[in-house]
Amino acid sequence: SSPCQKFACAIQDCLARHNYNPEECRSAMQNLIDCCARFRHVRQSCCELGGGSSSAAANPVSQSAKSSTHRQDSAGVSSYSQ
């Protein structure tokens, strides 16, 4: 198991608890970013984006935090937020 895996799991748990709103999970995301920076010499899938490019490993969560969120209400109406 990779040293940062627990932080990646914490992000997923946080997002599930907060209706997948990344704004509510910034500290969990920062914990993963810090861990990936600390263990940058260790190859970890939880610290890579885009098929393992090394440039993405330095900041594993920033792109997902910036992406828009798709939601659908109970009437089936879609909305997007950033």
C-alpha atoms as a PDB file:
ATOM      1  CA  SER A   1       0.000   0.000   0.000  1.00  0.00           C
ATOM      2  CA  SER A   2       1.303   3.460  -0.840  1.00  0.00           C
ATOM      3  CA  PRO A   3       2.031   5.964   1.938  1.00  0.00           C
ATOM      4  CA  CYS A   4      -0.555   8.424   0.559  1.00  0.00           C
ATOM      5  CA  GLN A   5      -3.394   5.980  -0.124  1.00  0.00           C
ATOM      6  CA  LYS A   6      -5.134   6.802   3.171  1.00  0.00           C
ATOM      7  CA  PHE A   7      -5.312  10.466   2.136  1.00  0.00           C
ATOM      8  CA  ALA A   8      -6.842   9.589  -1.238  1.00  0.00           C
ATOM      9  CA  CYS A   9      -9.457   7.487   0.558  1.00  0.00           C
ATOM     10  CA  ALA A  10     -10.135  10.361   2.972  1.00  0.00           C
ATOM     11  CA  ILE A  11     -10.939  12.610   0.000  1.00  0.00           C
ATOM     12  CA  GLN A  12     -13.442  10.091  -1.352  1.00  0.00           C
ATOM     13  CA  ASP A  13     -15.078   9.763   2.072  1.00  0.00           C
ATOM     14  CA  CYS A  14     -15.235  13.537   2.468  1.00  0.00           C
ATOM     15  CA  LEU A  15     -16.729  14.068  -0.979  1.00  0.00           C
ATOM     16  CA  ALA A  16     -19.385  11.406  -0.332  1.00  0.00           C
ATOM     17  CA  ARG A  17     -20.299  13.067   2.998  1.00  0.00           C
ATOM     18  CA  HIS A  18     -20.532  16.542   1.391  1.00  0.00           C
ATOM     19  CA  ASN A  19     -22.544  15.768  -1.749  1.00  0.00           C
ATOM     20  CA  TYR A  20     -19.382  15.739  -3.896  1.00  0.00           C
ATOM     21  CA  ASN A  21     -18.686  19.415  -3.259  1.00  0.00           C
ATOM     22  CA  PRO A  22     -14.884  19.838  -3.488  1.00  0.00           C
ATOM     23  CA  GLU A  23     -15.038  23.152  -1.603  1.00  0.00           C
ATOM     24  CA  GLU A  24     -15.974  21.197   1.531  1.00  0.00           C
ATOM     25  CA  CYS A  25     -12.943  18.903   1.214  1.00  0.00           C
ATOM     26  CA  ARG A  26     -10.083  21.306   0.618  1.00  0.00           C
ATOM     27  CA  SER A  27      -8.183  20.232   3.751  1.00  0.00           C
ATOM     28  CA  ALA A  28      -8.438  16.551   2.776  1.00  0.00           C
ATOM     29  CA  MET A  29      -7.170  17.444  -0.701  1.00  0.00           C
ATOM     30  CA  GLN A  30      -4.304  19.468   0.732  1.00  0.00           C
ATOM     31  CA  ASN A  31      -3.322  16.515   2.930  1.00  0.00           C
ATOM     32  CA  LEU A  32      -2.947  14.353  -0.185  1.00  0.00           C
ATOM     33  CA  ILE A  33      -1.003  17.055  -2.032  1.00  0.00           C
ATOM     34  CA  ASP A  34       1.354  17.414   0.936  1.00  0.00           C
ATOM     35  CA  CYS A  35       1.822  13.644   1.200  1.00  0.00           C
ATOM     36  CA  CYS A  36       2.555  13.314  -2.521  1.00  0.00           C
ATOM     37  CA  ALA A  37       5.140  16.087  -2.258  1.00  0.00           C
ATOM     38  CA  ARG A  38       6.723  14.420   0.774  1.00  0.00           C
ATOM     39  CA  PHE A  39       6.880  11.013  -0.958  1.00  0.00           C
ATOM     40  CA  ARG A  40       7.515  12.238  -4.514  1.00  0.00           C
ATOM     41  CA  HIS A  41      10.363   9.728  -4.874  1.00  0.00           C
ATOM     42  CA  VAL A  42       7.865   6.844  -4.431  1.00  0.00           C
ATOM     43  CA  ARG A  43       5.655   5.944  -7.410  1.00  0.00           C
ATOM     44  CA  GLN A  44       2.040   6.045  -6.223  1.00  0.00           C
ATOM     45  CA  SER A  45      -1.054   5.783  -8.370  1.00  0.00           C
ATOM     46  CA  CYS A  46      -2.999   8.017  -5.961  1.00  0.00           C
ATOM     47  CA  CYS A  47      -0.519  10.834  -6.683  1.00  0.00           C
ATOM     48  CA  GLU A  48      -0.759  10.648 -10.464  1.00  0.00           C
ATOM     49  CA  LEU A  49      -3.208  12.065 -12.981  1.00  0.00           C
ATOM     50  CA  GLY A  50      -3.472  11.495 -16.703  1.00  0.00           C
ATOM     51  CA  GLY A  51      -1.895   8.074 -16.876  1.00  0.00           C
ATOM     52  CA  GLY A  52       1.015   8.758 -14.577  1.00  0.00           C
ATOM     53  CA  SER A  53       2.626  11.878 -15.981  1.00  0.00           C
ATOM     54  CA  SER A  54       5.248  13.096 -13.547  1.00  0.00           C
ATOM     55  CA  SER A  55       4.200  16.738 -13.812  1.00  0.00           C
ATOM     56  CA  ALA A  56       0.738  15.896 -12.495  1.00  0.00           C
ATOM     57  CA  ALA A  57       2.201  14.087  -9.487  1.00  0.00           C
ATOM     58  CA  ALA A  58       3.244  17.359  -7.891  1.00  0.00           C
ATOM     59  CA  ASN A  59      -0.369  18.486  -7.607  1.00  0.00           C
ATOM     60  CA  PRO A  60      -2.655  15.453  -7.759  1.00  0.00           C
ATOM     61  CA  VAL A  61      -5.939  17.027  -6.807  1.00  0.00           C
ATOM     62  CA  SER A  62      -5.964  20.524  -8.235  1.00  0.00           C
ATOM     63  CA  GLN A  63      -7.533  19.567 -11.560  1.00  0.00           C
ATOM     64  CA  SER A  64     -10.358  17.585  -9.978  1.00  0.00           C
ATOM     65  CA  ALA A  65     -11.041  20.399  -7.534  1.00  0.00           C
ATOM     66  CA  LYS A  66     -11.369  22.864 -10.414  1.00  0.00           C
ATOM     67  CA  SER A  67     -13.593  20.738 -12.602  1.00  0.00           C
ATOM     68  CA  SER A  68     -17.278  21.463 -12.837  1.00  0.00           C
ATOM     69  CA  THR A  69     -19.791  19.340 -10.999  1.00  0.00           C
ATOM     70  CA  HIS A  70     -22.817  17.874 -12.715  1.00  0.00           C
ATOM     71  CA  ARG A  71     -25.943  17.500 -10.606  1.00  0.00           C
ATOM     72  CA  GLN A  72     -29.423  16.326 -11.382  1.00  0.00           C
ATOM     73  CA  ASP A  73     -32.359  17.249  -9.171  1.00  0.00           C
ATOM     74  CA  SER A  74     -35.315  15.014  -8.320  1.00  0.00           C
ATOM     75  CA  ALA A  75     -37.215  16.253 -11.394  1.00  0.00           C
ATOM     76  CA  GLY A  76     -34.357  15.192 -13.648  1.00  0.00           C
ATOM     77  CA  VAL A  77     -33.157  18.736 -14.355  1.00  0.00           C
ATOM     78  CA  SER A  78     -29.390  18.918 -14.854  1.00  0.00           C
ATOM     79  CA  SER A  79     -27.227  21.742 -13.603  1.00  0.00           C
ATOM     80  CA  TYR A  80     -23.500  22.401 -13.585  1.00  0.00           C
ATOM     81  CA  SER A  81     -21.470  24.275 -11.031  1.00  0.00           C
ATOM     82  CA  GLN A  82     -17.810  25.088 -10.626  1.00  0.00           C
END
